[in-house]
Amino acid sequence: MANSHSRPWTVVGDRAVVARAELGLGSGMTYRRHLSAWNEVGVWDQLHAVLLRELRSKKKLDWSRAVIDS
């Protein structure tokens, strides 16, 4: 669990909103909206494909340590 120095916006109540504003951070709802929108347009699938392509091209994938889960 992170301490208050690494994540000052975890403070409970109105102080959390003030801390986020002082740090120039948005609200949790803003982040959720963006993540949801990115998911809907396939950003995560595209990112996954790009990362796999880059790792394969550099021979950095080690499938001996892969786990398949349902």
PDB file of N, CA and C in Angstrom:
ATOM      1  N   MET A   1       0.848  -1.196   0.000  1.00  0.00           N
ATOM      2  CA  MET A   1       0.000   0.000   0.000  1.00  0.00           C
ATOM      3  C   MET A   1       0.879   1.240   0.000  1.00  0.00           C
ATOM      4  N   ALA A   2       0.542   2.189  -0.826  1.00  0.00           N
ATOM      5  CA  ALA A   2       1.331   3.411  -0.957  1.00  0.00           C
ATOM      6  C   ALA A   2       1.109   4.323   0.243  1.00  0.00           C
ATOM      7  N   ASN A   3       2.159   5.066   0.601  1.00  0.00           N
ATOM      8  CA  ASN A   3       2.011   6.014   1.701  1.00  0.00           C
ATOM      9  C   ASN A   3       1.503   7.353   1.176  1.00  0.00           C
ATOM     10  N   SER A   4       1.235   8.259   2.080  1.00  0.00           N
ATOM     11  CA  SER A   4       0.643   9.540   1.680  1.00  0.00           C
ATOM     12  C   SER A   4       1.600  10.394   0.861  1.00  0.00           C
ATOM     13  N   HIS A   5       2.909  10.113   0.931  1.00  0.00           N
ATOM     14  CA  HIS A   5       3.862  10.899   0.152  1.00  0.00           C
ATOM     15  C   HIS A   5       3.832  10.519  -1.320  1.00  0.00           C
ATOM     16  N   SER A   6       3.587   9.253  -1.611  1.00  0.00           N
ATOM     17  CA  SER A   6       3.570   8.843  -3.008  1.00  0.00           C
ATOM     18  C   SER A   6       2.206   9.023  -3.652  1.00  0.00           C
ATOM     19  N   ARG A   7       1.147   9.040  -2.837  1.00  0.00           N
ATOM     20  CA  ARG A   7      -0.210   9.202  -3.377  1.00  0.00           C
ATOM     21  C   ARG A   7      -1.019  10.129  -2.469  1.00  0.00           C
ATOM     22  N   PRO A   8      -0.722  11.418  -2.479  1.00  0.00           N
ATOM     23  CA  PRO A   8      -1.404  12.342  -1.559  1.00  0.00           C
ATOM     24  C   PRO A   8      -2.890  12.494  -1.837  1.00  0.00           C
ATOM     25  N   TRP A   9      -3.379  12.080  -3.010  1.00  0.00           N
ATOM     26  CA  TRP A   9      -4.788  12.218  -3.324  1.00  0.00           C
ATOM     27  C   TRP A   9      -5.633  11.126  -2.690  1.00  0.00           C
ATOM     28  N   THR A  10      -5.019  10.193  -1.930  1.00  0.00           N
ATOM     29  CA  THR A  10      -5.792   9.136  -1.286  1.00  0.00           C
ATOM     30  C   THR A  10      -6.410   9.615   0.030  1.00  0.00           C
ATOM     31  N   VAL A  11      -6.137  10.864   0.382  1.00  0.00           N
ATOM     32  CA  VAL A  11      -6.715  11.424   1.596  1.00  0.00           C
ATOM     33  C   VAL A  11      -8.236  11.403   1.476  1.00  0.00           C
ATOM     34  N   VAL A  12      -8.904  11.059   2.565  1.00  0.00           N
ATOM     35  CA  VAL A  12     -10.364  10.909   2.536  1.00  0.00           C
ATOM     36  C   VAL A  12     -11.050  12.263   2.637  1.00  0.00           C
ATOM     37  N   GLY A  13     -12.146  12.403   1.916  1.00  0.00           N
ATOM     38  CA  GLY A  13     -12.982  13.594   2.033  1.00  0.00           C
ATOM     39  C   GLY A  13     -12.578  14.706   1.084  1.00  0.00           C
ATOM     40  N   ASP A  14     -13.018  15.927   1.415  1.00  0.00           N
ATOM     41  CA  ASP A  14     -12.784  17.082   0.546  1.00  0.00           C
ATOM     42  C   ASP A  14     -11.306  17.389   0.357  1.00  0.00           C
ATOM     43  N   ARG A  15     -10.499  17.030   1.332  1.00  0.00           N
ATOM     44  CA  ARG A  15      -9.060  17.279   1.201  1.00  0.00           C
ATOM     45  C   ARG A  15      -8.491  16.548   0.000  1.00  0.00           C
ATOM     46  N   ALA A  16      -9.058  15.396  -0.367  1.00  0.00           N
ATOM     47  CA  ALA A  16      -8.571  14.641  -1.525  1.00  0.00           C
ATOM     48  C   ALA A  16      -8.780  15.440  -2.800  1.00  0.00           C
ATOM     49  N   VAL A  17      -9.911  16.090  -2.916  1.00  0.00           N
ATOM     50  CA  VAL A  17     -10.211  16.901  -4.100  1.00  0.00           C
ATOM     51  C   VAL A  17      -9.232  18.059  -4.176  1.00  0.00           C
ATOM     52  N   VAL A  18      -8.962  18.701  -3.067  1.00  0.00           N
ATOM     53  CA  VAL A  18      -8.024  19.822  -3.031  1.00  0.00           C
ATOM     54  C   VAL A  18      -6.623  19.343  -3.404  1.00  0.00           C
ATOM     55  N   ALA A  19      -6.201  18.201  -2.851  1.00  0.00           N
ATOM     56  CA  ALA A  19      -4.868  17.682  -3.153  1.00  0.00           C
ATOM     57  C   ALA A  19      -4.733  17.367  -4.631  1.00  0.00           C
ATOM     58  N   ARG A  20      -5.759  16.747  -5.224  1.00  0.00           N
ATOM     59  CA  ARG A  20      -5.704  16.436  -6.656  1.00  0.00           C
ATOM     60  C   ARG A  20      -5.616  17.723  -7.467  1.00  0.00           C
ATOM     61  N   ALA A  21      -6.395  18.716  -7.092  1.00  0.00           N
ATOM     62  CA  ALA A  21      -6.385  19.989  -7.816  1.00  0.00           C
ATOM     63  C   ALA A  21      -5.018  20.655  -7.713  1.00  0.00           C
ATOM     64  N   GLU A  22      -4.413  20.640  -6.528  1.00  0.00           N
ATOM     65  CA  GLU A  22      -3.102  21.253  -6.331  1.00  0.00           C
ATOM     66  C   GLU A  22      -2.033  20.541  -7.152  1.00  0.00           C
ATOM     67  N   LEU A  23      -2.200  19.239  -7.348  1.00  0.00           N
ATOM     68  CA  LEU A  23      -1.232  18.458  -8.122  1.00  0.00           C
ATOM     69  C   LEU A  23      -1.527  18.496  -9.613  1.00  0.00           C
ATOM     70  N   GLY A  24      -2.634  19.126  -9.993  1.00  0.00           N
ATOM     71  CA  GLY A  24      -3.008  19.190 -11.397  1.00  0.00           C
ATOM     72  C   GLY A  24      -3.596  17.887 -11.907  1.00  0.00           C
ATOM     73  N   LEU A  25      -4.162  17.094 -11.005  1.00  0.00           N
ATOM     74  CA  LEU A  25      -4.743  15.805 -11.372  1.00  0.00           C
ATOM     75  C   LEU A  25      -6.253  15.916 -11.488  1.00  0.00           C
ATOM     76  N   GLY A  26      -6.840  15.097 -12.331  1.00  0.00           N
ATOM     77  CA  GLY A  26      -8.291  15.060 -12.474  1.00  0.00           C
ATOM     78  C   GLY A  26      -8.916  14.161 -11.423  1.00  0.00           C
ATOM     79  N   SER A  27     -10.212  14.066 -11.467  1.00  0.00           N
ATOM     80  CA  SER A  27     -10.925  13.208 -10.523  1.00  0.00           C
ATOM     81  C   SER A  27     -10.879  11.763 -10.986  1.00  0.00           C
ATOM     82  N   GLY A  28     -11.191  10.840 -10.078  1.00  0.00           N
ATOM     83  CA  GLY A  28     -11.262   9.432 -10.417  1.00  0.00           C
ATOM     84  C   GLY A  28     -12.282   9.175 -11.513  1.00  0.00           C
ATOM     85  N   MET A  29     -13.388   9.890 -11.488  1.00  0.00           N
ATOM     86  CA  MET A  29     -14.428   9.718 -12.500  1.00  0.00           C
ATOM     87  C   MET A  29     -13.905  10.114 -13.879  1.00  0.00           C
ATOM     88  N   THR A  30     -13.100  11.164 -13.944  1.00  0.00           N
ATOM     89  CA  THR A  30     -12.512  11.578 -15.213  1.00  0.00           C
ATOM     90  C   THR A  30     -11.645  10.462 -15.774  1.00  0.00           C
ATOM     91  N   TYR A  31     -10.819   9.872 -14.916  1.00  0.00           N
ATOM     92  CA  TYR A  31      -9.956   8.776 -15.369  1.00  0.00           C
ATOM     93  C   TYR A  31     -10.784   7.589 -15.829  1.00  0.00           C
ATOM     94  N   ARG A  32     -11.825   7.251 -15.097  1.00  0.00           N
ATOM     95  CA  ARG A  32     -12.689   6.127 -15.479  1.00  0.00           C
ATOM     96  C   ARG A  32     -13.351   6.377 -16.830  1.00  0.00           C
ATOM     97  N   ARG A  33     -13.790   7.609 -17.071  1.00  0.00           N
ATOM     98  CA  ARG A  33     -14.411   7.943 -18.360  1.00  0.00           C
ATOM     99  C   ARG A  33     -13.419   7.753 -19.504  1.00  0.00           C
ATOM    100  N   HIS A  34     -12.202   8.252 -19.304  1.00  0.00           N
ATOM    101  CA  HIS A  34     -11.182   8.106 -20.350  1.00  0.00           C
ATOM    102  C   HIS A  34     -10.847   6.641 -20.582  1.00  0.00           C
ATOM    103  N   LEU A  35     -10.642   5.882 -19.525  1.00  0.00           N
ATOM    104  CA  LEU A  35     -10.313   4.464 -19.672  1.00  0.00           C
ATOM    105  C   LEU A  35     -11.430   3.719 -20.380  1.00  0.00           C
ATOM    106  N   SER A  36     -12.661   4.036 -20.045  1.00  0.00           N
ATOM    107  CA  SER A  36     -13.810   3.395 -20.680  1.00  0.00           C
ATOM    108  C   SER A  36     -13.875   3.747 -22.163  1.00  0.00           C
ATOM    109  N   ALA A  37     -13.661   5.010 -22.485  1.00  0.00           N
ATOM    110  CA  ALA A  37     -13.696   5.447 -23.885  1.00  0.00           C
ATOM    111  C   ALA A  37     -12.575   4.781 -24.681  1.00  0.00           C
ATOM    112  N   TRP A  38     -11.380   4.698 -24.087  1.00  0.00           N
ATOM    113  CA  TRP A  38     -10.260   4.046 -24.767  1.00  0.00           C
ATOM    114  C   TRP A  38     -10.564   2.574 -25.001  1.00  0.00           C
ATOM    115  N   ASN A  39     -11.195   1.945 -24.030  1.00  0.00           N
ATOM    116  CA  ASN A  39     -11.552   0.543 -24.166  1.00  0.00           C
ATOM    117  C   ASN A  39     -12.538   0.347 -25.317  1.00  0.00           C
ATOM    118  N   GLU A  40     -13.519   1.230 -25.413  1.00  0.00           N
ATOM    119  CA  GLU A  40     -14.544   1.129 -26.459  1.00  0.00           C
ATOM    120  C   GLU A  40     -13.965   1.255 -27.864  1.00  0.00           C
ATOM    121  N   VAL A  41     -12.931   2.074 -28.028  1.00  0.00           N
ATOM    122  CA  VAL A  41     -12.355   2.258 -29.366  1.00  0.00           C
ATOM    123  C   VAL A  41     -11.174   1.326 -29.633  1.00  0.00           C
ATOM    124  N   GLY A  42     -10.880   0.448 -28.696  1.00  0.00           N
ATOM    125  CA  GLY A  42      -9.862  -0.576 -28.916  1.00  0.00           C
ATOM    126  C   GLY A  42      -8.431  -0.177 -28.639  1.00  0.00           C
ATOM    127  N   VAL A  43      -8.220   0.861 -27.849  1.00  0.00           N
ATOM    128  CA  VAL A  43      -6.857   1.314 -27.556  1.00  0.00           C
ATOM    129  C   VAL A  43      -6.037   0.204 -26.901  1.00  0.00           C
ATOM    130  N   TRP A  44      -6.621  -0.509 -25.951  1.00  0.00           N
ATOM    131  CA  TRP A  44      -5.867  -1.531 -25.220  1.00  0.00           C
ATOM    132  C   TRP A  44      -5.472  -2.683 -26.128  1.00  0.00           C
ATOM    133  N   ASP A  45      -6.367  -3.095 -27.031  1.00  0.00           N
ATOM    134  CA  ASP A  45      -6.033  -4.158 -27.982  1.00  0.00           C
ATOM    135  C   ASP A  45      -4.915  -3.715 -28.909  1.00  0.00           C
ATOM    136  N   GLN A  46      -4.979  -2.454 -29.352  1.00  0.00           N
ATOM    137  CA  GLN A  46      -3.940  -1.925 -30.231  1.00  0.00           C
ATOM    138  C   GLN A  46      -2.604  -1.838 -29.498  1.00  0.00           C
ATOM    139  N   LEU A  47      -2.645  -1.373 -28.256  1.00  0.00           N
ATOM    140  CA  LEU A  47      -1.426  -1.275 -27.453  1.00  0.00           C
ATOM    141  C   LEU A  47      -0.817  -2.656 -27.242  1.00  0.00           C
ATOM    142  N   HIS A  48      -1.655  -3.635 -26.947  1.00  0.00           N
ATOM    143  CA  HIS A  48      -1.189  -5.005 -26.767  1.00  0.00           C
ATOM    144  C   HIS A  48      -0.503  -5.507 -28.030  1.00  0.00           C
ATOM    145  N   ALA A  49      -1.105  -5.278 -29.177  1.00  0.00           N
ATOM    146  CA  ALA A  49      -0.534  -5.713 -30.452  1.00  0.00           C
ATOM    147  C   ALA A  49       0.809  -5.036 -30.722  1.00  0.00           C
ATOM    148  N   VAL A  50       0.896  -3.745 -30.462  1.00  0.00           N
ATOM    149  CA  VAL A  50       2.148  -3.004 -30.686  1.00  0.00           C
ATOM    150  C   VAL A  50       3.245  -3.537 -29.762  1.00  0.00           C
ATOM    151  N   LEU A  51       2.905  -3.745 -28.500  1.00  0.00           N
ATOM    152  CA  LEU A  51       3.907  -4.246 -27.555  1.00  0.00           C
ATOM    153  C   LEU A  51       4.400  -5.632 -27.956  1.00  0.00           C
ATOM    154  N   LEU A  52       3.483  -6.512 -28.337  1.00  0.00           N
ATOM    155  CA  LEU A  52       3.891  -7.847 -28.783  1.00  0.00           C
ATOM    156  C   LEU A  52       4.790  -7.768 -30.009  1.00  0.00           C
ATOM    157  N   ARG A  53       4.420  -6.924 -30.967  1.00  0.00           N
ATOM    158  CA  ARG A  53       5.215  -6.776 -32.192  1.00  0.00           C
ATOM    159  C   ARG A  53       6.627  -6.278 -31.872  1.00  0.00           C
ATOM    160  N   GLU A  54       6.714  -5.265 -31.007  1.00  0.00           N
ATOM    161  CA  GLU A  54       8.017  -4.715 -30.623  1.00  0.00           C
ATOM    162  C   GLU A  54       8.863  -5.750 -29.887  1.00  0.00           C
ATOM    163  N   LEU A  55       8.250  -6.447 -28.944  1.00  0.00           N
ATOM    164  CA  LEU A  55       8.987  -7.454 -28.179  1.00  0.00           C
ATOM    165  C   LEU A  55       9.446  -8.605 -29.067  1.00  0.00           C
ATOM    166  N   ARG A  56       8.580  -9.031 -29.988  1.00  0.00           N
ATOM    167  CA  ARG A  56       8.959 -10.105 -30.917  1.00  0.00           C
ATOM    168  C   ARG A  56      10.119  -9.678 -31.805  1.00  0.00           C
ATOM    169  N   SER A  57      10.054  -8.449 -32.315  1.00  0.00           N
ATOM    170  CA  SER A  57      11.107  -7.980 -33.226  1.00  0.00           C
ATOM    171  C   SER A  57      12.461  -7.891 -32.521  1.00  0.00           C
ATOM    172  N   LYS A  58      12.453  -7.692 -31.215  1.00  0.00           N
ATOM    173  CA  LYS A  58      13.696  -7.596 -30.445  1.00  0.00           C
ATOM    174  C   LYS A  58      14.034  -8.902 -29.737  1.00  0.00           C
ATOM    175  N   LYS A  59      13.221  -9.937 -30.028  1.00  0.00           N
ATOM    176  CA  LYS A  59      13.400 -11.257 -29.410  1.00  0.00           C
ATOM    177  C   LYS A  59      13.454 -11.158 -27.882  1.00  0.00           C
ATOM    178  N   LYS A  60      12.496 -10.394 -27.332  1.00  0.00           N
ATOM    179  CA  LYS A  60      12.429 -10.175 -25.886  1.00  0.00           C
ATOM    180  C   LYS A  60      11.283 -10.927 -25.215  1.00  0.00           C
ATOM    181  N   LEU A  61      10.566 -11.765 -25.973  1.00  0.00           N
ATOM    182  CA  LEU A  61       9.485 -12.554 -25.380  1.00  0.00           C
ATOM    183  C   LEU A  61      10.028 -13.883 -24.899  1.00  0.00           C
ATOM    184  N   ASP A  62       9.707 -14.238 -23.658  1.00  0.00           N
ATOM    185  CA  ASP A  62      10.150 -15.504 -23.093  1.00  0.00           C
ATOM    186  C   ASP A  62       8.897 -16.317 -22.771  1.00  0.00           C
ATOM    187  N   TRP A  63       8.455 -17.105 -23.749  1.00  0.00           N
ATOM    188  CA  TRP A  63       7.221 -17.873 -23.574  1.00  0.00           C
ATOM    189  C   TRP A  63       7.391 -19.020 -22.581  1.00  0.00           C
ATOM    190  N   SER A  64       8.598 -19.319 -22.147  1.00  0.00           N
ATOM    191  CA  SER A  64       8.794 -20.389 -21.165  1.00  0.00           C
ATOM    192  C   SER A  64       8.219 -20.000 -19.808  1.00  0.00           C
ATOM    193  N   ARG A  65       7.931 -18.737 -19.622  1.00  0.00           N
ATOM    194  CA  ARG A  65       7.374 -18.254 -18.359  1.00  0.00           C
ATOM    195  C   ARG A  65       5.922 -17.784 -18.502  1.00  0.00           C
ATOM    196  N   ALA A  66       5.299 -18.123 -19.594  1.00  0.00           N
ATOM    197  CA  ALA A  66       3.919 -17.694 -19.856  1.00  0.00           C
ATOM    198  C   ALA A  66       2.936 -18.565 -19.085  1.00  0.00           C
ATOM    199  N   VAL A  67       1.819 -17.963 -18.698  1.00  0.00           N
ATOM    200  CA  VAL A  67       0.737 -18.671 -18.021  1.00  0.00           C
ATOM    201  C   VAL A  67      -0.543 -18.396 -18.789  1.00  0.00           C
ATOM    202  N   ILE A  68      -1.288 -19.455 -19.062  1.00  0.00           N
ATOM    203  CA  ILE A  68      -2.571 -19.301 -19.738  1.00  0.00           C
ATOM    204  C   ILE A  68      -3.668 -19.538 -18.719  1.00  0.00           C
ATOM    205  N   ASP A  69      -4.600 -18.618 -18.651  1.00  0.00           N
ATOM    206  CA  ASP A  69      -5.692 -18.691 -17.686  1.00  0.00           C
ATOM    207  C   ASP A  69      -7.006 -18.472 -18.422  1.00  0.00           C
ATOM    208  N   SER A  70      -8.033 -19.092 -17.924  1.00  0.00           N
ATOM    209  CA  SER A  70      -9.346 -18.900 -18.550  1.00  0.00           C
ATOM    210  C   SER A  70      -9.940 -17.667 -17.996  1.00  0.00           C
TER     211      SER A  70
END
